[in-house]
Amino acid sequence: MAIVQVTIVPLGTATTSVSEYVTSVHEVLQQSGEKIKYQLTPMSTIIEGELDDLLTVVRRMHEVPFENGAMRVSTTITIDDRRDKKGTMEQKLRSVEEKLK
C-alpha cells in the first residue's frame, strides 16, 4: 500500500482562482473505479492505495485542467511506498499524535 501526495496547478488560465479546477479533479477521485482513499487538504490531495492504481488515477487527474481550458499544467507527486509493513494515512497521523501526548 502506498500513499501519494499530489498537487496539480493549472497555468495559463483566465483567473488566479483554482477552486473550479480542484473541484473537477476531485470528481475524478469520486468516480474512480480503483480502490483508493483520498483526503483533500488546503494545498494538495493525499491518496492511498496500491501504487499502480494511484499512478493511474494521478494520470487522469493531471489531464483534467487541460480538459477545462488550462494551457499548461504542473503536477507534483510525492510517493511514500513502505514495504516492510502496511501504512495508512490514519496510522501515520496516529503515530505522531501518540508521540505528542
N, C-alpha and C. Protein backbone atom coordinates (compact mmCIF):
# COMPACT_ATOMS: atom_id res chain seq x y z
N MET A 1 0.85 -1.18 0.00
CA MET A 1 0.00 0.00 0.00
C MET A 1 0.89 1.23 0.00
N ALA A 2 0.52 2.21 -0.81
CA ALA A 2 1.29 3.45 -0.93
C ALA A 2 0.40 4.64 -0.58
N ILE A 3 1.06 5.71 -0.24
CA ILE A 3 0.40 6.99 -0.01
C ILE A 3 1.05 8.00 -0.95
N VAL A 4 0.23 8.72 -1.69
CA VAL A 4 0.73 9.69 -2.66
C VAL A 4 0.13 11.06 -2.34
N GLN A 5 1.00 12.06 -2.32
CA GLN A 5 0.55 13.44 -2.22
C GLN A 5 0.64 14.02 -3.62
N VAL A 6 -0.42 14.62 -4.10
CA VAL A 6 -0.43 15.18 -5.45
C VAL A 6 -0.93 16.62 -5.41
N THR A 7 -0.21 17.47 -6.10
CA THR A 7 -0.60 18.87 -6.26
C THR A 7 -0.64 19.15 -7.75
N ILE A 8 -1.79 19.60 -8.22
CA ILE A 8 -1.98 19.89 -9.64
C ILE A 8 -2.28 21.37 -9.78
N VAL A 9 -1.42 22.07 -10.54
CA VAL A 9 -1.56 23.51 -10.69
C VAL A 9 -1.80 23.84 -12.16
N PRO A 10 -3.00 24.35 -12.48
CA PRO A 10 -3.26 24.78 -13.86
C PRO A 10 -2.60 26.13 -14.11
N LEU A 11 -1.95 26.25 -15.24
CA LEU A 11 -1.31 27.51 -15.63
C LEU A 11 -1.92 27.99 -16.94
N GLY A 12 -1.80 29.27 -17.20
CA GLY A 12 -2.34 29.81 -18.45
C GLY A 12 -3.85 29.86 -18.44
N THR A 13 -4.42 30.21 -17.29
CA THR A 13 -5.87 30.32 -17.17
C THR A 13 -6.27 31.79 -17.08
N ALA A 14 -7.55 32.06 -17.18
CA ALA A 14 -8.04 33.43 -17.17
C ALA A 14 -8.11 34.04 -15.78
N THR A 15 -7.94 33.22 -14.73
CA THR A 15 -8.09 33.71 -13.36
C THR A 15 -7.03 33.07 -12.46
N THR A 16 -6.78 33.71 -11.34
CA THR A 16 -5.84 33.14 -10.37
C THR A 16 -6.51 32.11 -9.47
N SER A 17 -7.83 32.06 -9.45
CA SER A 17 -8.56 31.09 -8.65
C SER A 17 -8.44 29.70 -9.27
N VAL A 18 -8.26 28.69 -8.43
CA VAL A 18 -8.16 27.32 -8.93
C VAL A 18 -9.23 26.39 -8.38
N SER A 19 -10.17 26.91 -7.59
CA SER A 19 -11.16 26.04 -6.95
C SER A 19 -12.01 25.27 -7.95
N GLU A 20 -12.33 25.86 -9.08
CA GLU A 20 -13.11 25.14 -10.10
C GLU A 20 -12.32 23.95 -10.64
N TYR A 21 -11.02 24.15 -10.82
CA TYR A 21 -10.17 23.05 -11.29
C TYR A 21 -10.05 21.96 -10.22
N VAL A 22 -9.88 22.37 -8.97
CA VAL A 22 -9.78 21.40 -7.87
C VAL A 22 -11.05 20.57 -7.79
N THR A 23 -12.20 21.23 -7.94
CA THR A 23 -13.47 20.52 -7.91
C THR A 23 -13.54 19.47 -9.02
N SER A 24 -13.13 19.85 -10.22
CA SER A 24 -13.16 18.91 -11.35
C SER A 24 -12.20 17.75 -11.14
N VAL A 25 -11.03 18.04 -10.58
CA VAL A 25 -10.06 16.98 -10.31
C VAL A 25 -10.61 16.02 -9.26
N HIS A 26 -11.29 16.56 -8.25
CA HIS A 26 -11.83 15.68 -7.20
C HIS A 26 -12.99 14.83 -7.69
N GLU A 27 -13.65 15.27 -8.72
CA GLU A 27 -14.69 14.43 -9.32
C GLU A 27 -14.07 13.15 -9.89
N VAL A 28 -12.85 13.25 -10.40
CA VAL A 28 -12.14 12.06 -10.89
C VAL A 28 -11.97 11.07 -9.74
N LEU A 29 -11.60 11.57 -8.56
CA LEU A 29 -11.42 10.69 -7.40
C LEU A 29 -12.74 10.08 -6.97
N GLN A 30 -13.80 10.88 -6.95
CA GLN A 30 -15.11 10.38 -6.52
C GLN A 30 -15.64 9.31 -7.46
N GLN A 31 -15.30 9.40 -8.73
CA GLN A 31 -15.81 8.47 -9.73
C GLN A 31 -14.82 7.35 -10.04
N SER A 32 -13.70 7.32 -9.35
CA SER A 32 -12.65 6.37 -9.64
C SER A 32 -13.12 4.94 -9.40
N GLY A 33 -12.78 4.06 -10.32
CA GLY A 33 -13.08 2.65 -10.16
C GLY A 33 -12.03 1.93 -9.32
N GLU A 34 -10.87 2.56 -9.15
CA GLU A 34 -9.81 1.97 -8.35
C GLU A 34 -10.18 2.02 -6.87
N LYS A 35 -9.64 1.08 -6.12
CA LYS A 35 -9.89 1.04 -4.68
C LYS A 35 -8.88 1.95 -4.00
N ILE A 36 -9.28 3.20 -3.76
CA ILE A 36 -8.40 4.18 -3.15
C ILE A 36 -9.16 4.96 -2.07
N LYS A 37 -8.38 5.56 -1.18
CA LYS A 37 -8.92 6.52 -0.22
C LYS A 37 -8.26 7.84 -0.54
N TYR A 38 -8.94 8.94 -0.26
CA TYR A 38 -8.33 10.24 -0.53
C TYR A 38 -8.77 11.25 0.50
N GLN A 39 -7.92 12.27 0.63
CA GLN A 39 -8.18 13.35 1.58
C GLN A 39 -7.72 14.66 0.95
N LEU A 40 -8.64 15.58 0.83
CA LEU A 40 -8.33 16.92 0.33
C LEU A 40 -7.72 17.73 1.46
N THR A 41 -6.63 18.44 1.18
CA THR A 41 -6.04 19.37 2.14
C THR A 41 -6.02 20.74 1.47
N PRO A 42 -5.72 21.80 2.21
CA PRO A 42 -5.72 23.13 1.61
C PRO A 42 -4.71 23.31 0.47
N MET A 43 -3.65 22.49 0.45
CA MET A 43 -2.60 22.69 -0.53
C MET A 43 -2.38 21.51 -1.49
N SER A 44 -2.98 20.37 -1.20
CA SER A 44 -2.77 19.19 -2.03
C SER A 44 -3.84 18.15 -1.72
N THR A 45 -3.72 17.02 -2.36
CA THR A 45 -4.61 15.89 -2.09
C THR A 45 -3.74 14.69 -1.77
N ILE A 46 -4.14 13.93 -0.75
CA ILE A 46 -3.44 12.72 -0.36
C ILE A 46 -4.31 11.54 -0.78
N ILE A 47 -3.72 10.58 -1.48
CA ILE A 47 -4.47 9.40 -1.88
C ILE A 47 -3.70 8.16 -1.43
N GLU A 48 -4.46 7.11 -1.12
CA GLU A 48 -3.89 5.89 -0.55
C GLU A 48 -4.44 4.69 -1.30
N GLY A 49 -3.57 3.75 -1.60
CA GLY A 49 -4.00 2.53 -2.27
C GLY A 49 -2.80 1.80 -2.86
N GLU A 50 -3.07 0.91 -3.78
CA GLU A 50 -2.00 0.21 -4.48
C GLU A 50 -1.33 1.18 -5.45
N LEU A 51 -0.01 1.13 -5.52
CA LEU A 51 0.74 2.12 -6.29
C LEU A 51 0.30 2.20 -7.75
N ASP A 52 0.09 1.07 -8.41
CA ASP A 52 -0.34 1.10 -9.81
C ASP A 52 -1.67 1.83 -9.96
N ASP A 53 -2.61 1.59 -9.03
CA ASP A 53 -3.90 2.28 -9.07
C ASP A 53 -3.72 3.78 -8.86
N LEU A 54 -2.86 4.14 -7.91
CA LEU A 54 -2.66 5.56 -7.62
C LEU A 54 -2.05 6.29 -8.82
N LEU A 55 -1.09 5.68 -9.46
CA LEU A 55 -0.47 6.32 -10.62
C LEU A 55 -1.46 6.46 -11.78
N THR A 56 -2.33 5.49 -11.94
CA THR A 56 -3.38 5.58 -12.97
C THR A 56 -4.32 6.74 -12.68
N VAL A 57 -4.72 6.88 -11.43
CA VAL A 57 -5.62 7.96 -11.04
C VAL A 57 -4.94 9.33 -11.19
N VAL A 58 -3.66 9.41 -10.78
CA VAL A 58 -2.94 10.68 -10.90
C VAL A 58 -2.86 11.10 -12.37
N ARG A 59 -2.65 10.16 -13.24
CA ARG A 59 -2.60 10.47 -14.69
C ARG A 59 -3.93 11.08 -15.16
N ARG A 60 -5.04 10.50 -14.72
CA ARG A 60 -6.36 11.05 -15.09
C ARG A 60 -6.56 12.43 -14.47
N MET A 61 -6.12 12.59 -13.21
CA MET A 61 -6.25 13.88 -12.54
C MET A 61 -5.45 14.96 -13.28
N HIS A 62 -4.26 14.62 -13.73
CA HIS A 62 -3.39 15.56 -14.44
C HIS A 62 -4.05 16.09 -15.71
N GLU A 63 -4.84 15.29 -16.37
CA GLU A 63 -5.48 15.69 -17.62
C GLU A 63 -6.64 16.67 -17.43
N VAL A 64 -7.25 16.68 -16.26
CA VAL A 64 -8.47 17.46 -16.01
C VAL A 64 -8.29 18.95 -16.31
N PRO A 65 -7.25 19.61 -15.82
CA PRO A 65 -7.13 21.04 -16.13
C PRO A 65 -7.04 21.31 -17.64
N PHE A 66 -6.35 20.45 -18.38
CA PHE A 66 -6.30 20.61 -19.83
C PHE A 66 -7.71 20.53 -20.43
N GLU A 67 -8.49 19.57 -19.95
CA GLU A 67 -9.85 19.39 -20.44
C GLU A 67 -10.75 20.59 -20.11
N ASN A 68 -10.32 21.38 -19.11
CA ASN A 68 -11.09 22.54 -18.68
C ASN A 68 -10.45 23.86 -19.09
N GLY A 69 -9.58 23.83 -20.09
CA GLY A 69 -9.07 25.06 -20.68
C GLY A 69 -7.69 25.52 -20.28
N ALA A 70 -7.04 24.86 -19.34
CA ALA A 70 -5.69 25.27 -18.97
C ALA A 70 -4.75 25.00 -20.14
N MET A 71 -3.80 25.89 -20.33
CA MET A 71 -2.84 25.74 -21.42
C MET A 71 -1.58 25.00 -20.97
N ARG A 72 -1.39 24.95 -19.64
CA ARG A 72 -0.22 24.29 -19.08
C ARG A 72 -0.59 23.76 -17.69
N VAL A 73 -0.05 22.61 -17.31
CA VAL A 73 -0.35 22.02 -16.02
C VAL A 73 0.95 21.54 -15.38
N SER A 74 1.14 21.93 -14.12
CA SER A 74 2.30 21.47 -13.36
C SER A 74 1.79 20.55 -12.26
N THR A 75 2.19 19.29 -12.31
CA THR A 75 1.76 18.30 -11.33
C THR A 75 2.97 17.80 -10.56
N THR A 76 2.86 17.86 -9.24
CA THR A 76 3.92 17.38 -8.36
C THR A 76 3.37 16.22 -7.54
N ILE A 77 4.13 15.12 -7.51
CA ILE A 77 3.70 13.98 -6.70
C ILE A 77 4.84 13.57 -5.77
N THR A 78 4.45 13.16 -4.58
CA THR A 78 5.37 12.56 -3.61
C THR A 78 4.80 11.20 -3.26
N ILE A 79 5.63 10.19 -3.37
CA ILE A 79 5.19 8.82 -3.13
C ILE A 79 5.85 8.27 -1.87
N ASP A 80 5.04 7.79 -0.95
CA ASP A 80 5.52 7.07 0.24
C ASP A 80 5.08 5.63 0.06
N ASP A 81 6.01 4.77 -0.30
CA ASP A 81 5.71 3.37 -0.61
C ASP A 81 6.50 2.49 0.34
N ARG A 82 5.92 2.20 1.49
CA ARG A 82 6.59 1.41 2.51
C ARG A 82 6.24 -0.06 2.33
N ARG A 83 7.25 -0.90 2.29
CA ARG A 83 7.02 -2.31 2.00
C ARG A 83 7.27 -3.22 3.20
N ASP A 84 7.82 -2.69 4.30
CA ASP A 84 8.09 -3.56 5.44
C ASP A 84 6.87 -3.77 6.32
N LYS A 85 5.90 -2.84 6.25
CA LYS A 85 4.64 -3.02 6.96
C LYS A 85 3.60 -2.12 6.31
N LYS A 86 2.35 -2.46 6.56
CA LYS A 86 1.25 -1.70 5.97
C LYS A 86 1.14 -0.35 6.67
N GLY A 87 1.12 0.71 5.89
CA GLY A 87 0.96 2.04 6.44
C GLY A 87 -0.24 2.73 5.81
N THR A 88 -1.01 3.40 6.62
CA THR A 88 -2.17 4.13 6.13
C THR A 88 -2.05 5.59 6.54
N MET A 89 -2.87 6.44 5.96
CA MET A 89 -2.89 7.85 6.35
C MET A 89 -3.20 7.96 7.84
N GLU A 90 -4.20 7.21 8.29
CA GLU A 90 -4.61 7.28 9.68
C GLU A 90 -3.51 6.79 10.61
N GLN A 91 -2.85 5.72 10.24
CA GLN A 91 -1.77 5.17 11.06
C GLN A 91 -0.64 6.16 11.21
N LYS A 92 -0.28 6.85 10.13
CA LYS A 92 0.80 7.82 10.20
C LYS A 92 0.45 8.97 11.14
N LEU A 93 -0.79 9.45 11.05
CA LEU A 93 -1.22 10.54 11.94
C LEU A 93 -1.27 10.07 13.39
N ARG A 94 -1.81 8.88 13.60
CA ARG A 94 -1.92 8.33 14.96
C ARG A 94 -0.54 8.18 15.60
N SER A 95 0.44 7.76 14.84
CA SER A 95 1.79 7.59 15.35
C SER A 95 2.36 8.92 15.87
N VAL A 96 2.17 9.98 15.14
CA VAL A 96 2.66 11.29 15.58
C VAL A 96 1.85 11.79 16.76
N GLU A 97 0.53 11.65 16.71
CA GLU A 97 -0.32 12.12 17.82
C GLU A 97 0.05 11.43 19.14
N GLU A 98 0.35 10.14 19.07
CA GLU A 98 0.74 9.40 20.28
C GLU A 98 2.03 9.95 20.86
N LYS A 99 2.94 10.33 20.00
CA LYS A 99 4.22 10.86 20.47
C LYS A 99 4.08 12.28 21.02
N LEU A 100 3.04 13.00 20.61
CA LEU A 100 2.80 14.35 21.10
C LEU A 100 2.22 14.37 22.51
N LYS A 101 1.65 13.27 22.95
CA LYS A 101 1.00 13.21 24.28
C LYS A 101 1.98 13.21 25.40
